[in-house]
């Protein structure tokens, strides 16, 4: 059975994370109560770490596609996409579609706000 998320319904992030964990650890169950809190926290930490690595990569290299990020960061495509989603949700990325690929860049307005807060 395939799981698809309808962007229009905007499901709660915990539901999405539970669904990802179910598919990763036990694809035969749909009981989210079996997902432990520590697994969820570990997954959130991994996504956050990946988002940070993507941020630093884009800061250094200006832009990258999902394929390039996957290759350079040595992460799975799924984890890179989750990290991109994390950054996009915070408004830190902008995208540009060229040919058949989507390129991600840091949102310069967001980057300047971060620099101002750090100073």
Foldseek 3Di string as FASTA:
>chain_A
DDDDDDVVVPDDPVQVLLVVVCVVPPVPDDDSVPDDPVNSVVLVVLLCVLLVVVQVVCVVVFKDFLVVSCVVVVHDSVSNVSSVVVCVVVVQWDWDDDDHTIMIGGDVVVVVVVVVVVD
